[in-house]
Amino acid sequence: MNPLNTIKGTLIAGFVLAVVIALVAQDAISGVAATALIIWLHVIAGIIWIGLLYYFNFVQVPALAEAAADSGGPGGAGISRYVAPRALLWFRWAALATWVTGFAFLAHTQNMGAFALGLLGEGVNSYQLTIGIGAWLGTIMLFNVWVLIWPNQKKVLGIVEATADEIAKAKRTAFLASRTNTLLSIPMLMSMVGAGHGFFI
């Protein structure tokens, strides 16, 4: 049976391969296993989250607008009914997993001062300042996903009942929250990458 035939098989095979690589390289990189595992899970979850955020903003939203404007076309019902709910499921849980693993990393490495932007000591801790900016932006983005985007998308997609006016308002709120997250993702990624690579790149 080819694991590439299903997404479940593909993911399991990918994790098995990663574990094999980690075990083979373990002797060369001793003492950092827990930190490396947390970072790895954080990056995987973050790629899923931000990848779907960009998919929604760069692909799905413009495609649905074009479908709505095309009077002779197939419309956007297929995307709204089959694609969007599944994408939003992965999107919201990946957002939570990204935040939880990021928090776990800061706790494990004793960098909770990042939430105070590195200002808890005598001077400014530049690492905690840099990663802290990313952590706060990620926290705002997580709030937007669970408090603004998902509840409003449930109305838009018909998962919960709503009037036409409520749906129109929900579309706008979810749209603006998603665009805000896209905007915030740019400095957030700069901060997260910059913290480990020379501070703000």
C-alpha atoms as a PDB file:
ATOM      1  CA  MET A   1       0.000   0.000   0.000  1.00  0.00           C
ATOM      2  CA  ASN A   2       1.421   3.341  -1.063  1.00  0.00           C
ATOM      3  CA  PRO A   3       1.212   5.874   1.834  1.00  0.00           C
ATOM      4  CA  LEU A   4       0.976   8.686  -0.711  1.00  0.00           C
ATOM      5  CA  ASN A   5      -2.521   7.539  -1.715  1.00  0.00           C
ATOM      6  CA  THR A   6      -4.047   9.176   1.365  1.00  0.00           C
ATOM      7  CA  ILE A   7      -3.264  12.327   3.322  1.00  0.00           C
ATOM      8  CA  LYS A   8      -3.227  10.279   6.547  1.00  0.00           C
ATOM      9  CA  GLY A   9      -0.684   7.867   5.081  1.00  0.00           C
ATOM     10  CA  THR A  10       1.404  10.746   3.755  1.00  0.00           C
ATOM     11  CA  LEU A  11       1.475  12.474   7.153  1.00  0.00           C
ATOM     12  CA  ILE A  12       2.327   9.270   9.018  1.00  0.00           C
ATOM     13  CA  ALA A  13       5.119   8.482   6.547  1.00  0.00           C
ATOM     14  CA  GLY A  14       6.457  12.037   6.878  1.00  0.00           C
ATOM     15  CA  PHE A  15       6.549  11.820  10.673  1.00  0.00           C
ATOM     16  CA  VAL A  16       8.154   8.360  10.571  1.00  0.00           C
ATOM     17  CA  LEU A  17      10.844   9.653   8.191  1.00  0.00           C
ATOM     18  CA  ALA A  18      11.456  12.654  10.444  1.00  0.00           C
ATOM     19  CA  VAL A  19      11.822  10.405  13.507  1.00  0.00           C
ATOM     20  CA  VAL A  20      14.271   8.138  11.649  1.00  0.00           C
ATOM     21  CA  ILE A  21      16.351  11.157  10.618  1.00  0.00           C
ATOM     22  CA  ALA A  22      16.275  12.484  14.201  1.00  0.00           C
ATOM     23  CA  LEU A  23      17.373   9.133  15.630  1.00  0.00           C
ATOM     24  CA  VAL A  24      20.219   8.802  13.134  1.00  0.00           C
ATOM     25  CA  ALA A  25      21.415  12.347  13.848  1.00  0.00           C
ATOM     26  CA  GLN A  26      20.849  12.129  17.615  1.00  0.00           C
ATOM     27  CA  ASP A  27      24.469  11.388  18.542  1.00  0.00           C
ATOM     28  CA  ALA A  28      25.655  14.432  16.628  1.00  0.00           C
ATOM     29  CA  ILE A  29      23.116  16.770  18.257  1.00  0.00           C
ATOM     30  CA  SER A  30      22.738  15.618  21.843  1.00  0.00           C
ATOM     31  CA  GLY A  31      21.062  17.682  24.565  1.00  0.00           C
ATOM     32  CA  VAL A  32      18.581  19.634  22.446  1.00  0.00           C
ATOM     33  CA  ALA A  33      15.934  16.996  21.757  1.00  0.00           C
ATOM     34  CA  ALA A  34      13.016  18.561  23.674  1.00  0.00           C
ATOM     35  CA  THR A  35      13.662  22.057  22.364  1.00  0.00           C
ATOM     36  CA  ALA A  36      14.091  20.766  18.823  1.00  0.00           C
ATOM     37  CA  LEU A  37      10.851  18.757  19.058  1.00  0.00           C
ATOM     38  CA  ILE A  38       8.873  21.767  20.277  1.00  0.00           C
ATOM     39  CA  ILE A  39      10.303  24.004  17.548  1.00  0.00           C
ATOM     40  CA  TRP A  40       9.604  21.354  14.908  1.00  0.00           C
ATOM     41  CA  LEU A  41       5.952  21.008  15.991  1.00  0.00           C
ATOM     42  CA  HIS A  42       5.631  24.808  16.198  1.00  0.00           C
ATOM     43  CA  VAL A  43       6.953  25.253  12.665  1.00  0.00           C
ATOM     44  CA  ILE A  44       4.735  22.500  11.213  1.00  0.00           C
ATOM     45  CA  ALA A  45       1.619  23.952  12.851  1.00  0.00           C
ATOM     46  CA  GLY A  46       2.638  27.474  11.811  1.00  0.00           C
ATOM     47  CA  ILE A  47       3.122  26.462   8.187  1.00  0.00           C
ATOM     48  CA  ILE A  48      -0.360  24.928   8.124  1.00  0.00           C
ATOM     49  CA  TRP A  49      -1.901  27.978   9.808  1.00  0.00           C
ATOM     50  CA  ILE A  50      -0.217  30.696   7.779  1.00  0.00           C
ATOM     51  CA  GLY A  51      -0.393  28.626   4.583  1.00  0.00           C
ATOM     52  CA  LEU A  52      -4.164  28.416   4.941  1.00  0.00           C
ATOM     53  CA  LEU A  53      -4.369  32.105   5.885  1.00  0.00           C
ATOM     54  CA  TYR A  54      -2.586  32.956   2.637  1.00  0.00           C
ATOM     55  CA  TYR A  55      -4.721  30.469   0.690  1.00  0.00           C
ATOM     56  CA  PHE A  56      -7.886  32.176   1.942  1.00  0.00           C
ATOM     57  CA  ASN A  57      -6.623  35.679   1.159  1.00  0.00           C
ATOM     58  CA  PHE A  58      -4.708  35.074  -2.076  1.00  0.00           C
ATOM     59  CA  VAL A  59      -6.851  32.307  -3.641  1.00  0.00           C
ATOM     60  CA  GLN A  60     -10.262  31.552  -2.123  1.00  0.00           C
ATOM     61  CA  VAL A  61     -11.634  35.053  -1.470  1.00  0.00           C
ATOM     62  CA  PRO A  62     -10.739  36.385  -4.960  1.00  0.00           C
ATOM     63  CA  ALA A  63     -12.000  33.153  -6.576  1.00  0.00           C
ATOM     64  CA  LEU A  64     -15.345  33.371  -4.773  1.00  0.00           C
ATOM     65  CA  ALA A  65     -15.699  37.025  -5.809  1.00  0.00           C
ATOM     66  CA  GLU A  66     -15.054  36.059  -9.438  1.00  0.00           C
ATOM     67  CA  ALA A  67     -17.497  33.154  -9.175  1.00  0.00           C
ATOM     68  CA  ALA A  68     -20.194  35.449  -7.782  1.00  0.00           C
ATOM     69  CA  ALA A  69     -19.640  37.935 -10.637  1.00  0.00           C
ATOM     70  CA  ASP A  70     -19.781  35.226 -13.332  1.00  0.00           C
ATOM     71  CA  SER A  71     -23.490  34.860 -14.144  1.00  0.00           C
ATOM     72  CA  GLY A  72     -22.888  31.910 -16.475  1.00  0.00           C
ATOM     73  CA  GLY A  73     -20.360  30.113 -14.313  1.00  0.00           C
ATOM     74  CA  PRO A  74     -20.743  27.328 -11.781  1.00  0.00           C
ATOM     75  CA  GLY A  75     -20.764  29.695  -8.789  1.00  0.00           C
ATOM     76  CA  GLY A  76     -18.944  29.251  -5.528  1.00  0.00           C
ATOM     77  CA  ALA A  77     -21.260  26.754  -3.823  1.00  0.00           C
ATOM     78  CA  GLY A  78     -18.775  23.899  -4.150  1.00  0.00           C
ATOM     79  CA  ILE A  79     -16.049  25.873  -2.411  1.00  0.00           C
ATOM     80  CA  SER A  80     -18.402  27.173   0.280  1.00  0.00           C
ATOM     81  CA  ARG A  81     -19.916  23.784   0.957  1.00  0.00           C
ATOM     82  CA  TYR A  82     -16.960  21.402   0.640  1.00  0.00           C
ATOM     83  CA  VAL A  83     -13.660  23.277   0.706  1.00  0.00           C
ATOM     84  CA  ALA A  84     -14.121  26.169   3.137  1.00  0.00           C
ATOM     85  CA  PRO A  85     -15.411  24.161   6.143  1.00  0.00           C
ATOM     86  CA  ARG A  86     -12.526  21.678   5.889  1.00  0.00           C
ATOM     87  CA  ALA A  87      -9.962  24.435   5.372  1.00  0.00           C
ATOM     88  CA  LEU A  88     -11.363  26.362   8.355  1.00  0.00           C
ATOM     89  CA  LEU A  89     -11.152  23.234  10.513  1.00  0.00           C
ATOM     90  CA  TRP A  90      -7.419  22.856   9.800  1.00  0.00           C
ATOM     91  CA  PHE A  91      -6.962  26.636   9.995  1.00  0.00           C
ATOM     92  CA  ARG A  92      -8.366  27.178  13.467  1.00  0.00           C
ATOM     93  CA  TRP A  93      -6.770  24.104  15.078  1.00  0.00           C
ATOM     94  CA  ALA A  94      -3.409  24.837  13.450  1.00  0.00           C
ATOM     95  CA  ALA A  95      -3.635  28.360  14.870  1.00  0.00           C
ATOM     96  CA  LEU A  96      -4.186  26.968  18.363  1.00  0.00           C
ATOM     97  CA  ALA A  97      -1.427  24.353  17.959  1.00  0.00           C
ATOM     98  CA  THR A  98       0.981  27.044  16.761  1.00  0.00           C
ATOM     99  CA  TRP A  99       0.272  29.239  19.766  1.00  0.00           C
ATOM    100  CA  VAL A 100       0.426  26.374  22.291  1.00  0.00           C
ATOM    101  CA  THR A 101       3.737  25.064  20.937  1.00  0.00           C
ATOM    102  CA  GLY A 102       5.134  28.606  20.840  1.00  0.00           C
ATOM    103  CA  PHE A 103       4.125  29.104  24.477  1.00  0.00           C
ATOM    104  CA  ALA A 104       5.643  25.704  25.331  1.00  0.00           C
ATOM    105  CA  PHE A 105       8.904  26.737  23.658  1.00  0.00           C
ATOM    106  CA  LEU A 106       9.096  29.986  25.636  1.00  0.00           C
ATOM    107  CA  ALA A 107       8.324  28.145  28.892  1.00  0.00           C
ATOM    108  CA  HIS A 108      10.791  25.327  28.163  1.00  0.00           C
ATOM    109  CA  THR A 109      13.607  27.730  27.307  1.00  0.00           C
ATOM    110  CA  GLN A 110      12.788  30.012  30.261  1.00  0.00           C
ATOM    111  CA  ASN A 111      11.942  32.930  28.002  1.00  0.00           C
ATOM    112  CA  MET A 112       8.512  33.858  29.375  1.00  0.00           C
ATOM    113  CA  GLY A 113       9.916  37.386  29.657  1.00  0.00           C
ATOM    114  CA  ALA A 114       9.106  37.572  25.953  1.00  0.00           C
ATOM    115  CA  PHE A 115       5.531  38.431  26.938  1.00  0.00           C
ATOM    116  CA  ALA A 116       6.989  41.464  28.740  1.00  0.00           C
ATOM    117  CA  LEU A 117       9.000  42.231  25.575  1.00  0.00           C
ATOM    118  CA  GLY A 118      12.296  41.527  27.325  1.00  0.00           C
ATOM    119  CA  LEU A 119      11.871  44.379  29.807  1.00  0.00           C
ATOM    120  CA  LEU A 120      11.904  42.369  33.061  1.00  0.00           C
ATOM    121  CA  GLY A 121      15.656  42.568  33.683  1.00  0.00           C
ATOM    122  CA  GLU A 122      17.972  45.520  34.181  1.00  0.00           C
ATOM    123  CA  GLY A 123      18.367  46.070  30.458  1.00  0.00           C
ATOM    124  CA  VAL A 124      16.379  45.010  27.430  1.00  0.00           C
ATOM    125  CA  ASN A 125      16.748  41.344  26.509  1.00  0.00           C
ATOM    126  CA  SER A 126      16.902  41.668  22.711  1.00  0.00           C
ATOM    127  CA  TYR A 127      16.013  38.013  22.103  1.00  0.00           C
ATOM    128  CA  GLN A 128      12.914  38.236  24.294  1.00  0.00           C
ATOM    129  CA  LEU A 129      11.980  41.581  22.739  1.00  0.00           C
ATOM    130  CA  THR A 130      12.206  40.188  19.223  1.00  0.00           C
ATOM    131  CA  ILE A 131      10.427  36.902  19.828  1.00  0.00           C
ATOM    132  CA  GLY A 132       7.997  38.647  22.186  1.00  0.00           C
ATOM    133  CA  ILE A 133       6.788  40.952  19.434  1.00  0.00           C
ATOM    134  CA  GLY A 134       6.122  37.854  17.329  1.00  0.00           C
ATOM    135  CA  ALA A 135       4.404  36.124  20.263  1.00  0.00           C
ATOM    136  CA  TRP A 136       2.081  39.067  20.861  1.00  0.00           C
ATOM    137  CA  LEU A 137       1.248  39.390  17.171  1.00  0.00           C
ATOM    138  CA  GLY A 138       0.550  35.638  17.083  1.00  0.00           C
ATOM    139  CA  THR A 139      -1.682  35.988  20.164  1.00  0.00           C
ATOM    140  CA  ILE A 140      -3.712  38.741  18.486  1.00  0.00           C
ATOM    141  CA  MET A 141      -3.964  36.584  15.361  1.00  0.00           C
ATOM    142  CA  LEU A 142      -5.149  33.582  17.417  1.00  0.00           C
ATOM    143  CA  PHE A 143      -7.815  35.782  19.020  1.00  0.00           C
ATOM    144  CA  ASN A 144      -8.951  36.896  15.567  1.00  0.00           C
ATOM    145  CA  VAL A 145      -9.224  33.280  14.372  1.00  0.00           C
ATOM    146  CA  TRP A 146     -11.308  31.989  17.267  1.00  0.00           C
ATOM    147  CA  VAL A 147     -13.297  35.095  18.262  1.00  0.00           C
ATOM    148  CA  LEU A 148     -13.862  36.902  14.948  1.00  0.00           C
ATOM    149  CA  ILE A 149     -13.177  34.676  11.926  1.00  0.00           C
ATOM    150  CA  TRP A 150     -14.598  31.284  12.942  1.00  0.00           C
ATOM    151  CA  PRO A 151     -17.876  32.436  14.603  1.00  0.00           C
ATOM    152  CA  ASN A 152     -18.620  34.699  11.645  1.00  0.00           C
ATOM    153  CA  GLN A 153     -17.671  32.090   9.041  1.00  0.00           C
ATOM    154  CA  LYS A 154     -20.160  29.700  10.660  1.00  0.00           C
ATOM    155  CA  LYS A 155     -22.883  32.227   9.766  1.00  0.00           C
ATOM    156  CA  VAL A 156     -21.532  32.764   6.250  1.00  0.00           C
ATOM    157  CA  LEU A 157     -21.319  29.027   5.536  1.00  0.00           C
ATOM    158  CA  GLY A 158     -24.758  28.274   6.994  1.00  0.00           C
ATOM    159  CA  ILE A 159     -23.386  26.174   9.851  1.00  0.00           C
ATOM    160  CA  VAL A 160     -25.450  28.357  12.200  1.00  0.00           C
ATOM    161  CA  GLU A 161     -28.645  30.162  11.273  1.00  0.00           C
ATOM    162  CA  ALA A 162     -28.389  33.843  10.456  1.00  0.00           C
ATOM    163  CA  THR A 163     -30.437  36.470   8.662  1.00  0.00           C
ATOM    164  CA  ALA A 164     -29.261  38.003   5.392  1.00  0.00           C
ATOM    165  CA  ASP A 165     -28.156  41.143   7.279  1.00  0.00           C
ATOM    166  CA  GLU A 166     -26.272  39.069   9.858  1.00  0.00           C
ATOM    167  CA  ILE A 167     -24.554  37.115   7.080  1.00  0.00           C
ATOM    168  CA  ALA A 168     -23.521  40.323   5.293  1.00  0.00           C
ATOM    169  CA  LYS A 169     -22.097  41.717   8.563  1.00  0.00           C
ATOM    170  CA  ALA A 170     -20.409  38.387   9.327  1.00  0.00           C
ATOM    171  CA  LYS A 171     -18.751  38.332   5.878  1.00  0.00           C
ATOM    172  CA  ARG A 172     -17.298  41.781   6.427  1.00  0.00           C
ATOM    173  CA  THR A 173     -16.106  41.056   9.967  1.00  0.00           C
ATOM    174  CA  ALA A 174     -14.460  37.751   8.985  1.00  0.00           C
ATOM    175  CA  PHE A 175     -12.911  39.391   5.912  1.00  0.00           C
ATOM    176  CA  LEU A 176     -11.396  42.265   7.896  1.00  0.00           C
ATOM    177  CA  ALA A 177     -10.119  39.945  10.647  1.00  0.00           C
ATOM    178  CA  SER A 178      -8.527  37.683   8.030  1.00  0.00           C
ATOM    179  CA  ARG A 179      -6.919  40.637   6.256  1.00  0.00           C
ATOM    180  CA  THR A 180      -5.680  41.943   9.615  1.00  0.00           C
ATOM    181  CA  ASN A 181      -4.073  38.548  10.271  1.00  0.00           C
ATOM    182  CA  THR A 182      -2.446  38.615   6.835  1.00  0.00           C
ATOM    183  CA  LEU A 183      -1.035  42.069   7.609  1.00  0.00           C
ATOM    184  CA  LEU A 184       0.174  41.000  11.082  1.00  0.00           C
ATOM    185  CA  SER A 185       1.700  37.772   9.753  1.00  0.00           C
ATOM    186  CA  ILE A 186       4.408  39.714   7.916  1.00  0.00           C
ATOM    187  CA  PRO A 187       6.025  41.367  10.987  1.00  0.00           C
ATOM    188  CA  MET A 188       5.171  38.281  13.072  1.00  0.00           C
ATOM    189  CA  LEU A 189       7.202  36.029  10.765  1.00  0.00           C
ATOM    190  CA  MET A 190      10.014  38.599  10.689  1.00  0.00           C
ATOM    191  CA  SER A 191      10.122  38.575  14.502  1.00  0.00           C
ATOM    192  CA  MET A 192       9.961  34.803  14.853  1.00  0.00           C
ATOM    193  CA  VAL A 193      12.690  34.162  12.287  1.00  0.00           C
ATOM    194  CA  GLY A 194      14.711  37.185  13.376  1.00  0.00           C
ATOM    195  CA  ALA A 195      14.871  36.069  17.005  1.00  0.00           C
ATOM    196  CA  GLY A 196      17.039  33.132  16.030  1.00  0.00           C
ATOM    197  CA  HIS A 197      18.906  34.817  13.200  1.00  0.00           C
ATOM    198  CA  GLY A 198      20.302  38.128  14.347  1.00  0.00           C
ATOM    199  CA  PHE A 199      17.178  39.921  15.557  1.00  0.00           C
ATOM    200  CA  PHE A 200      14.773  41.327  12.972  1.00  0.00           C
ATOM    201  CA  ILE A 201      16.845  39.760  10.184  1.00  0.00           C
END
